[in-house]
Structure formats: C-alpha cells, structure tokens
C-alpha cells in the first residue's frame, strides 16, 4: 500500500561498491521500518539489512556485516544501502520493504513486511 521505489542496482566487479536507495515519503520513513532483502537465482529470499524508524537501530545478515551499511540519507527521503567489498554471492534482485515501526530484531522475515518495491538487479561478476 505504501509506495517504495528502489534504485542503484547494476553490474559491478568483485571487490567493488554499489549504493542502493529506497525512496519513500517522509511519513513512511518516520513511522515504518525499512528492510532490504535479496533473492538469488534458485534460492530463497533472504533478509540483508533493516533499520527501525523510531530508534534507528540497524540489523545485518552475518554474510554482509562489515561490508554493508544501511542509513537514512541527509535529506531524509531515502533509506540507502551502501555495499562495499562486493562478492559474486551478493548477486541477486534486491528489494526494499516496509513494516510498522520495528524490523523485528535481527531475525526478521519477509512475510512480516507489508509493502514492497519493484526490486533492482545487482550483479557482481568479473
């Protein structure tokens, strides 16, 4: 029901960087947690990172800790995912999604999120 628009996907070499953005209204970002998910070909959708709306707490999958950073941009209009030291296994379609207030802790699930963006393709390959 909420409008979410992802951007920033593309083709990048291993070890490279990419920044994804999830655009939404200020209302949405003030009151809804935003999670990033990804789905690789032939694999289940998995949570990548999430940020709470109220307290700004962040969560990361073990596979991306130390490499990815989730944050709200300076203008307050997007939730960005900065991805560094990218690996081929990071390849997949990345989605942002929203649920009210809180992510649900480090073990959050896609079924708990109400609104989804269209997805953006990330390909890490040499």
Protein backbone atom coordinates (compact mmCIF):
# COMPACT_ATOMS: atom_id res chain seq x y z
CA UNK A 1 0.00 0.00 0.00
CA UNK A 2 2.95 2.29 0.68
CA UNK A 3 4.97 3.38 -2.33
CA UNK A 4 8.59 2.23 -2.30
CA UNK A 5 10.98 2.69 -5.21
CA UNK A 6 14.40 1.06 -5.37
CA UNK A 7 17.27 2.32 -7.48
CA UNK A 8 21.03 1.93 -7.81
CA UNK A 9 21.40 -1.65 -8.99
CA UNK A 10 23.79 -2.62 -11.74
CA UNK A 11 26.84 -4.61 -12.73
CA UNK A 12 29.96 -4.32 -10.59
CA UNK A 13 33.25 -6.19 -10.32
CA UNK A 14 34.11 -8.28 -7.26
CA UNK A 15 35.55 -6.00 -4.60
CA UNK A 16 33.64 -3.04 -5.95
CA UNK A 17 30.97 -0.89 -4.35
CA UNK A 18 27.38 -0.02 -5.06
CA UNK A 19 24.77 2.08 -3.29
CA UNK A 20 21.10 1.20 -3.38
CA UNK A 21 18.35 3.64 -2.49
CA UNK A 22 14.81 3.05 -1.32
CA UNK A 23 12.68 6.13 -1.85
CA UNK A 24 9.53 6.71 0.16
CA UNK A 25 7.52 9.52 1.71
CA UNK A 26 8.74 11.21 4.87
CA UNK A 27 5.70 9.79 6.61
CA UNK A 28 6.69 6.28 5.66
CA UNK A 29 10.30 6.71 6.74
CA UNK A 30 9.26 8.36 10.02
CA UNK A 31 6.91 5.58 11.05
CA UNK A 32 7.92 2.41 9.21
CA UNK A 33 10.97 0.23 9.44
CA UNK A 34 12.67 -0.40 6.11
CA UNK A 35 14.27 -3.72 5.30
CA UNK A 36 16.42 -4.79 2.39
CA UNK A 37 16.00 -8.31 1.02
CA UNK A 38 17.62 -10.14 -1.84
CA UNK A 39 16.90 -13.21 -3.90
CA UNK A 40 19.50 -15.04 -5.94
CA UNK A 41 18.50 -17.34 -8.82
CA UNK A 42 17.26 -20.65 -7.46
CA UNK A 43 17.47 -19.53 -3.85
CA UNK A 44 15.05 -18.31 -1.20
CA UNK A 45 14.59 -14.64 -0.47
CA UNK A 46 16.74 -13.56 2.46
CA UNK A 47 16.99 -10.54 4.70
CA UNK A 48 20.06 -8.39 4.16
CA UNK A 49 19.64 -5.39 6.43
CA UNK A 50 16.96 -3.40 8.22
CA UNK A 51 16.58 -0.09 10.03
CA UNK A 52 13.98 0.86 12.63
CA UNK A 53 12.04 4.08 12.18
CA UNK A 54 11.84 5.30 15.78
CA UNK A 55 15.21 4.50 17.33
CA UNK A 56 17.27 3.99 14.17
CA UNK A 57 18.57 0.59 15.27
CA UNK A 58 20.10 -1.39 12.43
CA UNK A 59 20.44 -5.08 11.67
CA UNK A 60 22.61 -7.00 9.25
CA UNK A 61 22.83 -10.53 7.98
CA UNK A 62 26.04 -12.23 9.06
CA UNK A 63 27.12 -12.54 5.45
CA UNK A 64 27.21 -8.75 4.95
CA UNK A 65 28.37 -7.45 8.32
CA UNK A 66 31.34 -5.16 7.95
CA UNK A 67 30.68 -4.69 4.24
CA UNK A 68 27.17 -3.19 4.03
CA UNK A 69 25.78 -0.13 5.81
CA UNK A 70 22.14 0.94 5.99
CA UNK A 71 21.26 4.56 6.72
CA UNK A 72 18.78 7.35 6.05
CA UNK A 73 20.07 9.94 3.62
CA UNK A 74 20.76 13.53 4.64
CA UNK A 75 17.54 14.87 3.14
CA UNK A 76 15.53 12.17 4.90
CA UNK A 77 13.88 10.96 1.71
CA UNK A 78 15.52 7.58 1.20
CA UNK A 79 16.94 4.59 3.03
CA UNK A 80 20.24 3.73 1.41
CA UNK A 81 22.25 0.53 1.47
CA UNK A 82 25.96 1.12 0.88
CA UNK A 83 27.53 -2.11 -0.32
CA UNK A 84 31.31 -2.43 -0.27
CA UNK A 85 33.70 -5.29 -1.00
CA UNK A 86 31.06 -6.96 -3.11
CA UNK A 87 31.27 -10.67 -3.80
CA UNK A 88 29.72 -12.79 -6.55
CA UNK A 89 27.44 -14.36 -3.94
CA UNK A 90 25.91 -10.92 -3.37
CA UNK A 91 24.31 -11.18 -6.80
CA UNK A 92 20.53 -11.10 -6.84
CA UNK A 93 17.43 -8.97 -7.05
CA UNK A 94 17.33 -6.55 -4.14
CA UNK A 95 14.03 -5.38 -2.70
CA UNK A 96 13.16 -2.85 -0.03
CA UNK A 97 10.10 -3.36 2.10
CA UNK A 98 8.29 -1.65 4.96
CA UNK A 99 6.62 -2.70 8.19
CA UNK A 100 5.28 -0.56 11.01
CA UNK A 101 7.90 0.83 13.41
CA UNK A 102 10.29 -2.03 14.00
CA UNK A 103 12.17 -4.60 11.95
CA UNK A 104 11.53 -7.34 14.48
CA UNK A 105 15.11 -7.83 15.58
CA UNK A 106 17.99 -9.48 13.78
CA UNK A 107 15.86 -12.41 12.65
CA UNK A 108 13.22 -10.56 10.66
CA UNK A 109 11.19 -12.22 7.91
CA UNK A 110 9.83 -11.04 4.60
CA UNK A 111 6.32 -12.22 5.47
CA UNK A 112 6.16 -9.61 8.22
CA UNK A 113 6.62 -6.72 5.78
CA UNK A 114 3.52 -5.17 4.24
CA UNK A 115 4.76 -3.08 1.32
CA UNK A 116 7.40 -3.83 -1.28
CA UNK A 117 9.29 -2.07 -4.00
CA UNK A 118 9.73 -3.41 -7.51
CA UNK A 119 13.27 -4.69 -7.00
CA UNK A 120 16.61 -3.78 -8.54
CA UNK A 121 19.14 -6.19 -10.02
CA UNK A 122 22.64 -6.39 -8.56
CA UNK A 123 25.19 -8.44 -10.45
CA UNK A 124 28.71 -8.94 -9.11
CA UNK A 125 30.90 -10.51 -11.77
CA UNK A 126 34.24 -10.10 -13.47
